[in-house]
N, C-alpha and C. Protein backbone atom coordinates (compact mmCIF):
# COMPACT_ATOMS: atom_id res chain seq x y z
N UNK A 1 1.07 -1.13 0.07
CA UNK A 1 0.35 0.03 -0.08
C UNK A 1 0.97 1.22 0.08
N UNK A 2 0.33 2.04 -0.79
CA UNK A 2 1.58 3.07 -0.78
C UNK A 2 0.62 4.39 0.19
N UNK A 3 1.84 5.28 0.37
CA UNK A 3 1.29 6.25 1.47
C UNK A 3 -0.14 6.92 1.36
N UNK A 4 -0.32 7.56 -0.10
CA UNK A 4 -1.41 7.69 -0.41
C UNK A 4 -2.74 7.21 0.25
N UNK A 5 -2.68 5.75 -0.26
CA UNK A 5 -3.78 4.96 0.01
C UNK A 5 -3.87 4.73 1.67
N UNK A 6 -2.74 4.87 2.20
CA UNK A 6 -2.75 4.58 3.44
C UNK A 6 -3.22 5.76 4.69
N UNK A 7 -3.18 7.00 4.22
CA UNK A 7 -3.36 8.20 4.52
C UNK A 7 -5.11 8.11 4.40
N UNK A 8 -5.55 7.88 3.35
CA UNK A 8 -7.09 8.25 3.01
C UNK A 8 -7.83 6.72 3.49
N UNK A 9 -6.92 6.23 4.14
CA UNK A 9 -8.27 5.09 4.73
C UNK A 9 -7.72 5.05 6.02
N UNK A 10 -6.56 6.01 6.92
CA UNK A 10 -6.49 5.87 8.27
C UNK A 10 -7.40 7.91 8.14
N UNK A 11 -7.21 8.21 7.16
CA UNK A 11 -8.76 9.63 7.29
C UNK A 11 -9.85 9.48 7.74
N UNK A 12 -10.53 8.65 7.18
CA UNK A 12 -12.15 8.66 7.37
C UNK A 12 -12.31 7.79 8.55
N UNK A 13 -11.00 6.77 8.80
CA UNK A 13 -11.20 6.49 10.57
C UNK A 13 -10.78 7.56 11.26
N UNK A 14 -10.07 8.38 11.57
CA UNK A 14 -9.61 9.78 12.02
C UNK A 14 -10.98 10.73 12.57
N UNK A 15 -11.87 10.91 11.39
CA UNK A 15 -12.92 11.45 11.34
C UNK A 15 -13.73 10.91 12.58
N UNK A 16 -14.07 10.15 12.23
CA UNK A 16 -15.19 9.40 13.36
C UNK A 16 -14.51 9.80 14.64
N UNK A 17 -13.07 9.39 15.13
CA UNK A 17 -12.39 10.02 16.19
C UNK A 17 -12.64 11.44 17.07
N UNK A 18 -12.87 11.87 15.48
CA UNK A 18 -12.57 13.07 16.26
C UNK A 18 -14.33 14.04 16.43
N UNK A 19 -14.75 13.14 15.12
CA UNK A 19 -16.38 13.30 15.26
C UNK A 19 -17.14 12.78 16.61
N UNK A 20 -16.27 11.58 17.34
CA UNK A 20 -16.34 11.45 18.80
C UNK A 20 -16.31 12.33 20.20
N UNK A 21 -15.34 12.68 19.56
CA UNK A 21 -14.36 13.97 20.58
C UNK A 21 -15.36 15.07 21.04
N UNK A 22 -16.05 15.46 19.88
CA UNK A 22 -16.87 16.68 19.09
C UNK A 22 -18.16 16.29 19.99
N UNK A 23 -18.47 15.00 20.21
CA UNK A 23 -19.57 14.22 20.37
C UNK A 23 -19.91 14.15 22.06
N UNK A 24 -18.58 14.03 22.80
CA UNK A 24 -18.27 13.89 23.80
C UNK A 24 -18.23 15.34 24.29
N UNK A 25 -17.61 16.47 24.05
CA UNK A 25 -17.83 17.52 24.24
C UNK A 25 -19.44 18.50 23.87
N UNK A 26 -19.86 17.70 23.08
CA UNK A 26 -20.77 18.31 23.00
C UNK A 26 -22.48 17.64 24.22
N UNK A 27 -21.54 16.73 24.24
CA UNK A 27 -22.30 15.48 25.57
C UNK A 27 -22.04 16.47 26.65
N UNK A 28 -20.87 17.13 26.41
CA UNK A 28 -19.81 17.60 28.02
C UNK A 28 -21.14 18.29 28.01
N UNK A 29 -21.27 19.56 27.06
CA UNK A 29 -21.48 20.75 26.50
C UNK A 29 -23.61 20.80 27.59
N UNK A 30 -24.01 19.75 27.10
CA UNK A 30 -25.64 19.47 26.79
C UNK A 30 -25.64 19.38 28.55
N UNK A 31 -24.73 18.34 29.08
CA UNK A 31 -24.86 18.14 30.66
C UNK A 31 -24.68 19.43 31.64
N UNK A 32 -23.58 19.99 30.93
CA UNK A 32 -23.26 21.24 31.33
C UNK A 32 -24.55 21.74 31.57
N UNK A 33 -25.13 22.13 30.15
CA UNK A 33 -25.88 22.70 29.80
C UNK A 33 -27.07 22.43 30.94
N UNK A 34 -27.78 21.42 31.26
CA UNK A 34 -28.32 20.70 31.94
C UNK A 34 -28.17 20.60 33.24
N UNK A 35 -27.09 20.93 33.72
CA UNK A 35 -26.62 21.61 35.22
C UNK A 35 -27.06 22.90 35.53
N UNK A 36 -26.34 23.84 34.43
CA UNK A 36 -27.30 25.38 34.16
C UNK A 36 -28.57 24.95 34.78
N UNK A 37 -29.28 24.31 33.84
CA UNK A 37 -30.59 24.86 33.70
C UNK A 37 -31.10 24.47 35.41
N UNK A 38 -30.46 23.42 35.53
CA UNK A 38 -30.61 22.60 37.22
C UNK A 38 -30.31 23.38 38.21
N UNK A 39 -29.54 24.44 38.14
CA UNK A 39 -28.53 25.33 38.67
C UNK A 39 -29.74 27.11 39.50
N UNK A 40 -30.36 27.22 37.94
CA UNK A 40 -30.99 28.30 38.86
C UNK A 40 -32.08 27.79 39.09
N UNK A 41 -32.64 26.51 38.83
CA UNK A 41 -34.17 26.21 40.22
C UNK A 41 -33.49 25.87 41.71
N UNK A 42 -32.18 25.49 41.85
CA UNK A 42 -32.00 24.95 43.06
C UNK A 42 -31.27 26.70 43.62
N UNK A 43 -31.17 27.35 43.08
CA UNK A 43 -30.24 28.95 43.10
C UNK A 43 -31.28 29.82 43.85
N UNK A 44 -31.93 29.67 43.01
CA UNK A 44 -33.33 30.18 43.06
C UNK A 44 -34.57 29.47 44.50
N UNK A 45 -34.31 28.29 44.81
CA UNK A 45 -34.87 27.94 45.95
C UNK A 45 -33.94 28.03 47.08
N UNK A 46 -32.27 28.04 47.02
CA UNK A 46 -31.63 28.78 48.13
C UNK A 46 -31.69 30.41 48.21
N UNK A 47 -32.37 30.35 47.50
CA UNK A 47 -32.64 32.81 47.60
C UNK A 47 -33.75 32.56 48.28
N UNK A 48 -34.87 31.89 48.13
CA UNK A 48 -36.04 31.68 48.44
C UNK A 48 -35.77 31.50 49.73
N UNK A 49 -35.45 30.26 50.32
CA UNK A 49 -34.56 30.17 51.65
C UNK A 49 -33.81 31.07 52.52
N UNK A 50 -33.37 31.93 51.77
CA UNK A 50 -32.09 32.89 52.48
C UNK A 50 -33.47 33.72 53.04
N UNK A 51 -34.45 34.15 52.08
CA UNK A 51 -34.85 35.25 51.66
C UNK A 51 -35.76 34.73 53.18
N UNK A 52 -36.82 33.27 53.33
CA UNK A 52 -37.29 33.33 54.26
C UNK A 52 -37.00 33.31 55.76
N UNK A 53 -35.52 33.13 56.40
CA UNK A 53 -34.34 32.75 56.64
C UNK A 53 -34.58 34.54 57.34
N UNK A 54 -34.09 35.29 56.42
CA UNK A 54 -34.01 36.50 56.97
C UNK A 54 -35.49 37.24 57.60
N UNK A 55 -36.69 36.52 56.74
CA UNK A 55 -38.26 36.95 57.34
C UNK A 55 -38.04 36.58 58.75
N UNK A 56 -37.76 35.52 59.13
CA UNK A 56 -37.77 34.50 60.76
C UNK A 56 -37.09 35.15 61.26
N UNK A 57 -35.77 35.68 61.10
CA UNK A 57 -34.95 36.42 61.67
C UNK A 57 -35.05 37.46 62.31
N UNK A 58 -35.77 38.44 61.62
CA UNK A 58 -36.06 39.86 61.93
C UNK A 58 -37.42 39.91 62.48
N UNK A 59 -38.67 39.13 62.32
CA UNK A 59 -39.32 38.91 63.34
C UNK A 59 -39.41 38.45 64.94
N UNK A 60 -38.09 37.21 64.45
CA UNK A 60 -38.09 36.68 66.36
C UNK A 60 -36.79 38.23 66.69
N UNK A 61 -36.13 39.09 65.90
CA UNK A 61 -35.86 39.72 66.77
C UNK A 61 -36.88 41.08 67.24
N UNK A 62 -37.81 41.09 66.67
CA UNK A 62 -39.16 42.29 66.35
C UNK A 62 -39.17 41.44 68.10
N UNK A 63 -39.65 40.70 67.68
CA UNK A 63 -40.17 40.12 68.78
C UNK A 63 -39.92 39.67 70.52
N UNK A 64 -37.91 39.94 70.52
CA UNK A 64 -37.69 40.09 71.59
C UNK A 64 -37.44 41.52 71.92
N UNK A 65 -37.52 42.33 70.84
CA UNK A 65 -36.97 43.79 71.44
C UNK A 65 -38.12 44.22 72.07
N UNK A 66 -39.59 43.25 71.43
CA UNK A 66 -40.81 43.64 72.65
C UNK A 66 -40.96 43.11 73.85
N UNK A 67 -40.52 42.29 74.22
CA UNK A 67 -40.38 40.92 75.05
C UNK A 67 -39.37 41.77 75.74
N UNK A 68 -38.39 42.99 75.66
CA UNK A 68 -37.02 42.83 76.30
C UNK A 68 -38.14 44.22 76.71
N UNK A 69 -38.40 45.28 76.06
CA UNK A 69 -39.38 46.38 76.49
C UNK A 69 -40.66 46.12 77.01
N UNK A 70 -41.03 45.15 77.34
CA UNK A 70 -42.18 44.71 78.19
C UNK A 70 -41.77 44.11 80.07
N UNK A 71 -40.71 43.99 79.91
CA UNK A 71 -40.03 43.54 80.44
C UNK A 71 -39.21 44.79 81.33
N UNK A 72 -38.95 45.71 80.76
CA UNK A 72 -38.21 46.64 81.16
C UNK A 72 -39.43 47.52 81.80
N UNK A 73 -40.68 47.70 81.40
CA UNK A 73 -42.37 48.52 81.75
C UNK A 73 -43.05 47.72 83.20
N UNK A 74 -42.52 46.54 83.18
CA UNK A 74 -43.17 45.82 83.79
C UNK A 74 -42.44 46.19 85.31
N UNK A 75 -40.92 45.83 85.15
CA UNK A 75 -40.09 46.07 86.31
C UNK A 75 -39.82 47.47 86.60
N UNK A 76 -40.18 48.36 86.04
CA UNK A 76 -40.45 49.76 86.47
C UNK A 76 -41.26 49.86 87.51
N UNK A 77 -42.60 49.26 86.65
CA UNK A 77 -44.02 49.52 87.53
C UNK A 77 -43.85 48.62 88.39
N UNK A 78 -43.28 47.31 88.71
CA UNK A 78 -43.11 46.66 89.83
C UNK A 78 -42.48 47.63 90.92
N UNK A 79 -41.00 47.78 90.66
CA UNK A 79 -40.59 49.00 91.51
C UNK A 79 -41.39 49.99 92.40
N UNK A 80 -42.20 50.45 90.67
CA UNK A 80 -42.73 51.88 91.36
C UNK A 80 -43.75 51.79 92.62
N UNK A 81 -44.47 50.51 92.46
CA UNK A 81 -45.51 50.11 93.35
C UNK A 81 -45.45 48.92 94.48
N UNK A 82 -43.99 48.24 94.28
CA UNK A 82 -43.86 47.70 95.25
C UNK A 82 -43.50 47.58 96.50
N UNK A 83 -44.06 48.77 97.33
CA UNK A 83 -44.10 49.65 98.65
C UNK A 83 -45.70 49.24 98.71
N UNK A 84 -46.64 49.40 97.46
CA UNK A 84 -48.17 49.88 97.62
C UNK A 84 -49.08 48.89 99.01
N UNK A 85 -48.21 47.83 99.41
CA UNK A 85 -48.95 47.55 100.31
C UNK A 85 -48.29 48.09 101.77
N UNK A 86 -47.29 48.16 101.57
CA UNK A 86 -46.92 48.94 103.13
C UNK A 86 -47.45 50.81 103.08
N UNK A 87 -48.05 51.08 101.83
CA UNK A 87 -48.28 53.01 102.36
C UNK A 87 -49.82 52.45 102.16
N UNK A 88 -50.58 51.36 101.84
CA UNK A 88 -52.01 51.00 102.56
C UNK A 88 -52.40 50.71 103.78
N UNK A 89 -50.66 50.41 104.08
CA UNK A 89 -51.51 49.50 105.61
C UNK A 89 -50.85 51.40 106.79
N UNK A 90 -50.36 51.87 105.48
CA UNK A 90 -49.95 53.07 106.70
C UNK A 90 -51.03 54.44 106.21
N UNK A 91 -52.07 54.71 105.35
CA UNK A 91 -52.79 55.06 105.17
C UNK A 91 -53.95 55.75 106.15
N UNK A 92 -54.65 54.57 107.14
CA UNK A 92 -55.01 54.67 108.41
C UNK A 92 -54.38 55.34 109.28
N UNK A 93 -53.22 55.67 109.60
CA UNK A 93 -52.49 56.36 110.56
C UNK A 93 -52.71 57.35 109.77
N UNK A 94 -52.41 58.32 108.87
CA UNK A 94 -52.10 59.52 108.55
C UNK A 94 -53.41 60.26 108.71
N UNK A 95 -54.71 59.01 108.01
CA UNK A 95 -55.93 59.63 108.54
C UNK A 95 -55.92 60.28 109.81
N UNK A 96 -55.70 59.60 110.99
CA UNK A 96 -55.27 59.60 112.35
C UNK A 96 -54.80 60.77 112.69
N UNK A 97 -54.03 61.36 111.82
CA UNK A 97 -52.70 62.11 112.10
C UNK A 97 -53.87 63.29 111.80
N UNK A 98 -54.26 63.66 110.53
CA UNK A 98 -55.40 64.57 109.81
C UNK A 98 -56.38 65.22 111.00
N UNK A 99 -57.03 63.89 111.04
CA UNK A 99 -58.18 64.04 112.34
C UNK A 99 -57.59 64.75 113.66
N UNK A 100 -56.64 64.45 113.88
CA UNK A 100 -56.13 64.80 115.27
C UNK A 100 -55.34 66.31 115.25
N UNK A 101 -54.84 66.95 113.86
CA UNK A 101 -54.51 67.86 113.03
C UNK A 101 -55.79 68.74 113.40
N UNK A 102 -56.52 68.40 112.89
CA UNK A 102 -58.02 69.04 112.35
C UNK A 102 -58.38 69.58 113.64
N UNK A 103 -58.34 68.86 115.02
CA UNK A 103 -59.30 68.98 116.00
C UNK A 103 -58.28 70.08 117.12
N UNK A 104 -57.36 69.75 117.08
CA UNK A 104 -56.72 70.64 117.54
C UNK A 104 -56.07 72.33 117.32
N UNK A 105 -56.70 72.38 115.41
CA UNK A 105 -56.46 73.30 115.39
C UNK A 105 -58.10 74.35 114.84
N UNK A 106 -59.33 73.89 115.73
CA UNK A 106 -60.29 73.91 116.02
C UNK A 106 -59.97 75.52 116.93
N UNK A 107 -60.71 76.00 116.68
CA UNK A 107 -61.12 77.42 117.74
C UNK A 107 -62.01 76.32 118.95
N UNK A 108 -61.57 76.75 120.39
CA UNK A 108 -62.21 76.35 121.50
C UNK A 108 -61.41 75.03 121.83
N UNK A 109 -60.69 74.58 120.71
CA UNK A 109 -60.56 72.79 121.38
C UNK A 109 -59.62 72.71 122.44
N UNK A 110 -59.75 71.37 123.05
CA UNK A 110 -58.69 71.45 124.29
C UNK A 110 -57.65 70.49 124.35
N UNK A 111 -57.76 70.24 122.96
CA UNK A 111 -56.58 69.01 122.28
C UNK A 111 -55.03 69.79 121.94
N UNK A 112 -54.06 69.64 122.39
CA UNK A 112 -53.37 70.57 122.13
C UNK A 112 -52.45 69.87 120.72
N UNK A 113 -52.01 70.31 119.47
CA UNK A 113 -51.43 69.55 119.30
C UNK A 113 -50.27 69.87 119.01
N UNK A 114 -48.96 69.26 119.89
CA UNK A 114 -47.82 69.39 120.14
C UNK A 114 -46.75 69.86 118.87
N UNK A 115 -45.69 70.90 119.16
CA UNK A 115 -44.98 71.20 117.89
C UNK A 115 -43.94 69.65 117.27
N UNK A 116 -44.21 69.14 118.60
CA UNK A 116 -42.91 67.44 117.92
C UNK A 116 -44.15 66.74 117.16
N UNK A 117 -45.93 66.88 117.40
CA UNK A 117 -46.30 66.38 117.04
C UNK A 117 -46.23 66.98 115.41
N UNK A 118 -46.50 68.13 114.95
CA UNK A 118 -46.67 68.95 113.81
C UNK A 118 -45.12 68.64 113.15
N UNK A 119 -44.02 68.37 113.80
CA UNK A 119 -43.00 68.01 113.38
C UNK A 119 -42.89 66.27 112.74
N UNK A 120 -43.80 65.48 113.71
CA UNK A 120 -43.85 64.26 113.20
C UNK A 120 -44.69 64.10 111.67
N UNK A 121 -45.59 64.49 112.17
CA UNK A 121 -46.68 64.79 110.99
C UNK A 121 -45.90 64.93 109.66
N UNK A 122 -45.37 66.12 109.22
CA UNK A 122 -44.54 66.63 108.74
C UNK A 122 -43.49 65.86 107.89
N UNK A 123 -42.86 65.79 108.98
CA UNK A 123 -41.76 64.44 108.39
C UNK A 123 -42.49 63.30 107.49
N UNK A 124 -43.59 62.51 107.97
CA UNK A 124 -44.18 61.44 108.00
C UNK A 124 -44.50 61.53 106.46
N UNK A 125 -45.37 62.53 106.17
CA UNK A 125 -46.21 63.05 104.94
C UNK A 125 -44.37 63.29 103.14
N UNK A 126 -43.92 64.23 103.79
CA UNK A 126 -42.62 64.49 103.18
C UNK A 126 -41.89 62.76 103.00
N UNK A 127 -42.32 61.95 103.79
CA UNK A 127 -40.97 61.06 103.76
C UNK A 127 -42.28 59.98 102.50
N UNK A 128 -43.21 60.27 102.98
CA UNK A 128 -44.45 59.08 101.58
C UNK A 128 -44.41 60.17 100.69
N UNK A 129 -44.32 60.56 100.63
CA UNK A 129 -44.49 62.19 99.31
C UNK A 129 -42.98 61.83 98.87
N UNK A 130 -41.98 61.27 99.36
CA UNK A 130 -40.61 60.97 98.38
C UNK A 130 -41.43 59.56 98.03
N UNK A 131 -41.49 58.52 98.19
CA UNK A 131 -42.09 57.18 97.76
C UNK A 131 -42.97 57.46 96.74
N UNK A 132 -43.57 58.66 96.89
CA UNK A 132 -44.55 58.46 95.52
C UNK A 132 -45.93 58.60 95.51
N UNK A 133 -46.06 58.98 96.96
CA UNK A 133 -47.38 58.46 98.03
C UNK A 133 -48.12 60.11 97.51
N UNK A 134 -49.34 60.31 97.15
CA UNK A 134 -49.44 61.96 96.66
C UNK A 134 -51.39 61.51 97.02
N UNK A 135 -51.30 62.85 98.03
CA UNK A 135 -53.03 62.75 98.70
C UNK A 135 -53.65 63.54 97.11
N UNK A 136 -55.13 62.78 96.68
CA UNK A 136 -55.78 63.42 95.98
C UNK A 136 -56.81 64.51 96.72
N UNK A 137 -56.65 65.73 95.82
CA UNK A 137 -58.00 66.98 96.55
C UNK A 137 -59.45 66.08 95.82
N UNK A 138 -60.08 67.09 96.76
CA UNK A 138 -61.59 66.49 95.97
C UNK A 138 -62.66 67.27 96.51
N UNK A 139 -62.49 68.76 97.41
CA UNK A 139 -63.68 69.30 98.34
C UNK A 139 -63.78 70.20 97.44
N UNK A 140 -64.77 70.58 96.38
CA UNK A 140 -65.82 71.63 95.63
C UNK A 140 -65.10 71.15 94.32
N UNK A 141 -64.88 70.29 93.90
CA UNK A 141 -64.29 69.21 92.21
C UNK A 141 -65.19 68.69 91.74
N UNK A 142 -65.56 68.64 90.79
CA UNK A 142 -66.91 67.78 89.91
C UNK A 142 -66.09 66.15 90.35
N UNK A 143 -67.83 65.66 90.70
CA UNK A 143 -67.38 64.18 91.34
C UNK A 143 -66.68 63.25 89.48
N UNK A 144 -66.04 62.87 90.36
CA UNK A 144 -65.74 61.51 89.20
C UNK A 144 -65.30 60.51 89.59
N UNK A 145 -66.45 59.28 89.30
CA UNK A 145 -66.22 57.67 89.16
C UNK A 145 -64.93 57.17 89.42
N UNK A 146 -63.88 57.71 88.70
CA UNK A 146 -63.15 57.10 88.82
C UNK A 146 -62.31 57.13 89.25
N UNK A 147 -62.37 58.38 90.43
CA UNK A 147 -61.80 58.61 91.36
C UNK A 147 -62.11 58.51 92.97
N UNK A 148 -63.65 59.10 92.95
CA UNK A 148 -64.64 58.91 94.11
C UNK A 148 -65.39 57.93 94.23
N UNK A 149 -65.47 57.74 95.57
CA UNK A 149 -66.09 57.21 95.68
C UNK A 149 -67.28 57.63 96.84
N UNK A 150 -68.59 57.95 96.37
CA UNK A 150 -69.73 58.26 97.07
C UNK A 150 -70.39 57.89 97.78
N UNK A 151 -70.07 58.15 98.92
CA UNK A 151 -71.05 57.92 100.34
C UNK A 151 -72.42 57.85 100.49
N UNK A 152 -72.72 59.37 100.28
CA UNK A 152 -73.96 59.67 100.42
C UNK A 152 -73.81 61.53 99.15
N UNK A 153 -75.29 61.77 98.72
CA UNK A 153 -75.60 62.60 97.94
C UNK A 153 -76.75 63.46 99.53
N UNK A 154 -76.26 64.82 99.39
CA UNK A 154 -77.38 65.98 100.34
C UNK A 154 -77.53 67.20 99.37
N UNK A 155 -78.68 67.77 100.01
CA UNK A 155 -78.78 68.67 98.75
C UNK A 155 -77.98 69.66 98.90
N UNK A 156 -77.63 70.44 97.94
CA UNK A 156 -76.38 71.23 97.79
C UNK A 156 -76.57 72.72 98.62
N UNK A 157 -75.78 72.67 99.32
CA UNK A 157 -75.39 74.13 100.30
C UNK A 157 -75.27 76.08 99.14
N UNK A 158 -75.06 75.29 98.35
CA UNK A 158 -75.12 76.23 97.00
C UNK A 158 -75.36 75.90 95.58
N UNK A 159 -75.97 76.88 95.12
CA UNK A 159 -76.07 76.00 93.13
C UNK A 159 -74.91 75.66 92.47
N UNK A 160 -73.89 76.58 92.83
CA UNK A 160 -72.36 76.09 92.32
C UNK A 160 -71.99 74.75 93.14
N UNK A 161 -72.46 73.77 94.10
CA UNK A 161 -72.20 73.18 94.02
C UNK A 161 -72.73 72.13 94.07
N UNK A 162 -73.32 71.99 93.16
CA UNK A 162 -74.79 71.21 92.61
C UNK A 162 -73.92 70.30 92.05
N UNK A 163 -74.04 68.81 91.66
CA UNK A 163 -72.81 67.80 91.29
C UNK A 163 -71.22 67.77 91.44
N UNK A 164 -71.24 68.83 92.44
CA UNK A 164 -69.73 68.87 93.05
C UNK A 164 -69.78 68.18 94.45
N UNK A 165 -68.32 68.21 95.11
CA UNK A 165 -68.14 67.28 96.32
C UNK A 165 -68.04 68.44 97.17
N UNK A 166 -69.09 68.43 98.08
CA UNK A 166 -69.28 69.01 99.56
C UNK A 166 -68.10 68.77 100.28
N UNK A 167 -68.12 67.16 100.63
CA UNK A 167 -67.17 67.03 102.12
C UNK A 167 -66.41 65.88 101.85
N UNK A 168 -65.14 65.63 102.27
CA UNK A 168 -64.48 64.38 101.99
C UNK A 168 -64.29 63.66 103.70
N UNK A 169 -65.07 62.45 103.21
CA UNK A 169 -65.02 61.82 104.78
C UNK A 169 -63.46 60.79 104.75
N UNK A 170 -62.89 60.67 103.62
CA UNK A 170 -61.45 60.00 103.80
C UNK A 170 -60.90 60.14 102.44
N UNK A 171 -59.80 60.62 102.78
CA UNK A 171 -58.73 61.11 101.79
C UNK A 171 -58.99 60.30 100.69
N UNK A 172 -58.46 60.18 99.57
CA UNK A 172 -58.00 59.37 98.62
C UNK A 172 -56.69 59.49 98.21
N UNK A 173 -55.76 58.70 98.06
CA UNK A 173 -54.36 58.74 97.62
C UNK A 173 -53.61 57.84 96.07
N UNK A 174 -52.88 58.16 95.89
CA UNK A 174 -52.38 57.88 94.25
C UNK A 174 -50.55 57.68 95.05
N UNK A 175 -50.00 56.14 94.31
CA UNK A 175 -49.20 56.42 94.69
C UNK A 175 -48.12 56.31 92.80
N UNK A 176 -47.59 57.07 92.27
CA UNK A 176 -46.66 57.47 91.33
C UNK A 176 -48.10 57.23 89.89
N UNK A 177 -49.16 58.16 90.58
CA UNK A 177 -50.68 57.99 89.29
C UNK A 177 -51.07 57.35 89.38
N UNK A 178 -51.03 55.80 90.29
CA UNK A 178 -52.74 54.86 90.45
C UNK A 178 -52.55 55.25 91.32
N UNK A 179 -53.79 55.03 91.16
CA UNK A 179 -55.11 55.70 92.74
C UNK A 179 -54.98 53.65 93.11
N UNK A 180 -54.52 54.34 94.84
CA UNK A 180 -54.18 53.18 95.33
C UNK A 180 -55.31 53.03 97.04
N UNK A 181 -56.21 54.25 96.81
CA UNK A 181 -57.09 54.43 97.65
C UNK A 181 -58.01 55.22 97.10
N UNK A 182 -59.18 54.97 96.93
CA UNK A 182 -60.35 56.21 96.08
C UNK A 182 -60.86 56.57 97.54
N UNK A 183 -61.03 58.19 96.66
CA UNK A 183 -61.27 59.70 98.27
C UNK A 183 -63.33 58.73 98.33
N UNK A 184 -63.59 58.51 99.56
CA UNK A 184 -65.04 58.49 99.59
C UNK A 184 -65.45 59.81 100.39
N UNK A 185 -66.60 60.66 100.07
CA UNK A 185 -66.76 61.83 99.49
C UNK A 185 -68.98 61.47 99.48
N UNK A 186 -68.88 63.42 100.24
CA UNK A 186 -70.25 63.40 99.97
C UNK A 186 -70.39 64.71 98.84
N UNK A 187 -71.50 64.10 98.06
CA UNK A 187 -71.81 65.12 96.43
C UNK A 187 -73.59 65.26 96.93
N UNK A 188 -72.69 67.12 96.26
CA UNK A 188 -74.51 67.68 96.16
C UNK A 188 -75.13 67.46 95.39
N UNK A 189 -76.30 67.67 95.71
CA UNK A 189 -76.91 67.38 94.70
C UNK A 189 -78.42 68.64 94.16
């Protein structure tokens, strides 16, 4: 066989080899295309999962922040009203002091309210005010069912006292703005 014949016979066999290599490359490209087609769907699912996790994280963070604020408010409120029971127990003592002082200040009274008792009275009131206890003023103002407890109604001595408080039987008190005892009052009708 001559060289030319040999080349001719070998060339056709070489072409299928090249074709096979091209086919393999083509199939690699096809499988890469298939993976690229699959990759976006997995990439999209990963992105959706990231978005979902971010949403969960933000919600959890907001929920925790609300919890922290609520606990802080409750703690402050508990601190402010922690002594409420003790101060409520002291209110009858304050009432007795007020009555004794009122009786001693009346003209013709034989009951003295000594200077020492006066100092005790003012010191007790100032300490309780520092703790947040405030007496509620009620004489002469309009009756409010949220702040006052009406004991009775009497005919108003003057026209301007109709629907207003004529007398206070027992003072009302609030602790840091929260009513701990309602004022017991007499209302004019």
